[in-house]
Amino acid sequence: MKAVATLALSLAFSGAVSAATSSATLASAQGSVLVNQGKQFVPVQNGQVFAAGDRVMVMQGGSAVLRFNDGCDVTLSGGSITLVPEVSTCAGGQLNSTRLANEAPPWINPEAPAAYGTGTWMLVGGSALVVGGLVAGGSDNDTVSP
């Protein structure tokens, strides 16, 4: 009887551990899709495996499908960063997604149209000229001793 109880507990514990460490796989991607697995965002490839806590960024105009170990598929829309949950949404996991700003600078998404128009750059340049003029101009209170 003791052996049966031990076996039942070990099976229950191993099921809980496998559910907590479940992962997802990139089933498909369109457009620019990146993942951050701890250090920086890097491009992904179909079939790449994600662990709980990885962050998947789908750029504007793109999409991605994550397939969890239990067969649950989740579609991620463009312009979002999603934290891969410990368990699939079909098994009650929560999908934590954040929308990206619509005006991503071109160095983040070179495929996107220019985010900052001419007016913005004129304002930045004009401000720099004013600050530079103030710094270079100095003070008019220069005194010269005889």
Protein backbone atom coordinates (compact mmCIF):
# COMPACT_ATOMS: atom_id res chain seq x y z
CA MET A 1 0.00 0.00 0.00
CA LYS A 2 2.87 2.32 0.82
CA ALA A 3 4.42 1.66 -2.61
CA VAL A 4 1.15 2.54 -4.37
CA ALA A 5 0.89 5.83 -2.46
CA THR A 6 4.52 6.66 -3.29
CA LEU A 7 3.95 5.85 -6.96
CA ALA A 8 0.80 7.99 -7.07
CA LEU A 9 2.60 10.93 -5.44
CA SER A 10 5.57 10.66 -7.77
CA LEU A 11 3.30 10.58 -10.85
CA ALA A 12 1.36 13.58 -9.60
CA PHE A 13 4.58 15.49 -8.87
CA SER A 14 6.12 14.66 -12.26
CA GLY A 15 2.92 15.84 -13.99
CA ALA A 16 3.07 19.14 -12.11
CA VAL A 17 6.74 19.59 -13.01
CA SER A 18 6.17 18.86 -16.69
CA ALA A 19 3.25 21.29 -16.79
CA ALA A 20 5.37 24.01 -15.17
CA THR A 21 8.21 23.55 -17.66
CA SER A 22 6.08 23.24 -20.77
CA SER A 23 7.30 25.12 -23.78
CA ALA A 24 5.98 26.34 -27.07
CA THR A 25 7.30 26.04 -30.59
CA LEU A 26 7.10 28.61 -33.35
CA ALA A 27 4.67 26.91 -35.74
CA SER A 28 4.67 29.72 -38.30
CA ALA A 29 5.74 33.33 -38.71
CA GLN A 30 5.05 36.10 -41.18
CA GLY A 31 7.07 39.29 -41.22
CA SER A 32 9.68 40.15 -38.63
CA VAL A 33 9.51 38.01 -35.46
CA LEU A 34 12.14 38.21 -32.70
CA VAL A 35 12.68 36.49 -29.35
CA ASN A 36 14.44 37.54 -26.17
CA GLN A 37 15.59 34.54 -24.16
CA GLY A 38 17.49 36.56 -21.59
CA LYS A 39 19.98 38.88 -23.26
CA GLN A 40 18.63 40.55 -26.41
CA PHE A 41 16.04 40.21 -29.14
CA VAL A 42 17.20 38.00 -32.01
CA PRO A 43 15.39 36.75 -35.14
CA VAL A 44 13.52 33.45 -34.83
CA GLN A 45 13.12 30.50 -37.19
CA ASN A 46 10.15 28.18 -37.70
CA GLY A 47 10.35 25.29 -35.27
CA GLN A 48 12.29 27.28 -32.65
CA VAL A 49 11.46 26.20 -29.08
CA PHE A 50 10.48 28.74 -26.44
CA ALA A 51 10.56 28.30 -22.68
CA ALA A 52 8.27 29.94 -20.15
CA GLY A 53 9.40 33.54 -19.66
CA ASP A 54 10.78 34.07 -23.18
CA ARG A 55 9.51 37.25 -24.83
CA VAL A 56 8.35 37.06 -28.44
CA MET A 57 8.18 40.34 -30.40
CA VAL A 58 6.15 40.47 -33.59
CA MET A 59 6.77 43.64 -35.58
CA GLN A 60 4.03 45.71 -37.25
CA GLY A 61 2.41 43.88 -40.15
CA GLY A 62 3.62 40.45 -39.00
CA SER A 63 2.09 37.52 -37.13
CA ALA A 64 3.25 34.35 -35.41
CA VAL A 65 1.66 31.13 -34.21
CA LEU A 66 2.96 29.48 -31.03
CA ARG A 67 2.17 25.78 -30.62
CA PHE A 68 2.33 24.52 -27.04
CA ASN A 69 3.25 20.95 -26.07
CA ASP A 70 -0.43 20.12 -25.50
CA GLY A 71 -1.25 21.06 -29.13
CA CYS A 72 -2.78 24.43 -28.25
CA ASP A 73 -2.10 27.11 -30.90
CA VAL A 74 -1.97 30.81 -30.05
CA THR A 75 -1.74 33.50 -32.73
CA LEU A 76 0.32 36.58 -31.90
CA SER A 77 -0.55 39.73 -33.80
CA GLY A 78 1.85 42.25 -35.25
CA GLY A 79 3.00 45.14 -33.11
CA SER A 80 3.21 43.17 -29.87
CA ILE A 81 5.55 41.65 -27.31
CA THR A 82 4.24 38.51 -25.62
CA LEU A 83 5.59 36.69 -22.58
CA VAL A 84 5.46 32.91 -23.13
CA PRO A 85 3.36 31.48 -20.25
CA GLU A 86 4.25 28.37 -18.24
CA VAL A 87 1.13 26.56 -19.48
CA SER A 88 -0.86 26.98 -22.66
CA THR A 89 -3.91 29.19 -22.77
CA CYS A 90 -5.97 26.05 -23.48
CA ALA A 91 -4.82 24.70 -20.09
CA GLY A 92 -5.63 27.96 -18.30
CA GLY A 93 -2.39 29.91 -18.84
CA GLN A 94 -2.56 33.67 -19.17
CA LEU A 95 -1.15 35.32 -22.28
CA ASN A 96 0.60 38.56 -21.26
CA SER A 97 0.98 40.79 -24.34
CA THR A 98 1.99 44.42 -24.68
CA ARG A 99 1.31 46.53 -27.74
CA LEU A 100 4.28 48.20 -29.40
CA ALA A 101 4.10 51.90 -30.17
CA ASN A 102 2.86 52.57 -33.69
CA GLU A 103 5.80 54.87 -34.33
CA ALA A 104 8.73 52.51 -33.95
CA PRO A 105 12.02 54.12 -34.97
CA PRO A 106 13.41 52.72 -38.23
CA TRP A 107 16.44 51.20 -36.49
CA ILE A 108 14.06 48.88 -34.58
CA ASN A 109 11.95 47.95 -37.59
CA PRO A 110 13.63 48.92 -40.86
CA GLU A 111 10.71 47.44 -42.82
CA ALA A 112 8.27 49.96 -41.31
CA PRO A 113 7.66 53.32 -42.97
CA ALA A 114 9.58 56.26 -41.53
CA ALA A 115 8.16 56.94 -38.09
CA TYR A 116 9.34 60.52 -37.72
CA GLY A 117 8.36 63.11 -40.29
CA THR A 118 10.29 66.13 -41.51
CA GLY A 119 8.60 68.37 -38.94
CA THR A 120 9.94 66.29 -36.06
CA TRP A 121 13.51 66.41 -37.37
CA MET A 122 13.23 70.18 -37.98
CA LEU A 123 12.12 70.65 -34.36
CA VAL A 124 14.99 68.50 -33.06
CA GLY A 125 17.54 70.31 -35.27
CA GLY A 126 16.23 73.76 -34.36
CA SER A 127 16.33 72.94 -30.67
CA ALA A 128 19.91 71.75 -30.99
CA LEU A 129 20.89 75.00 -32.73
CA VAL A 130 19.28 77.11 -29.99
CA VAL A 131 20.98 75.15 -27.20
CA GLY A 132 24.29 75.26 -29.07
CA GLY A 133 23.97 79.02 -29.55
CA LEU A 134 23.30 79.55 -25.85
CA VAL A 135 26.26 77.43 -24.84
CA ALA A 136 28.66 78.99 -27.36
CA GLY A 137 27.45 82.54 -26.81
CA GLY A 138 28.44 82.64 -23.18
CA SER A 139 27.80 85.79 -21.14
CA ASP A 140 27.94 89.47 -22.07
CA ASN A 141 29.31 90.37 -18.65
CA ASP A 142 32.94 89.99 -19.63
CA THR A 143 35.00 92.47 -17.68
CA VAL A 144 38.47 93.53 -18.67
CA SER A 145 40.77 94.86 -16.00
CA PRO A 146 42.97 97.83 -16.87
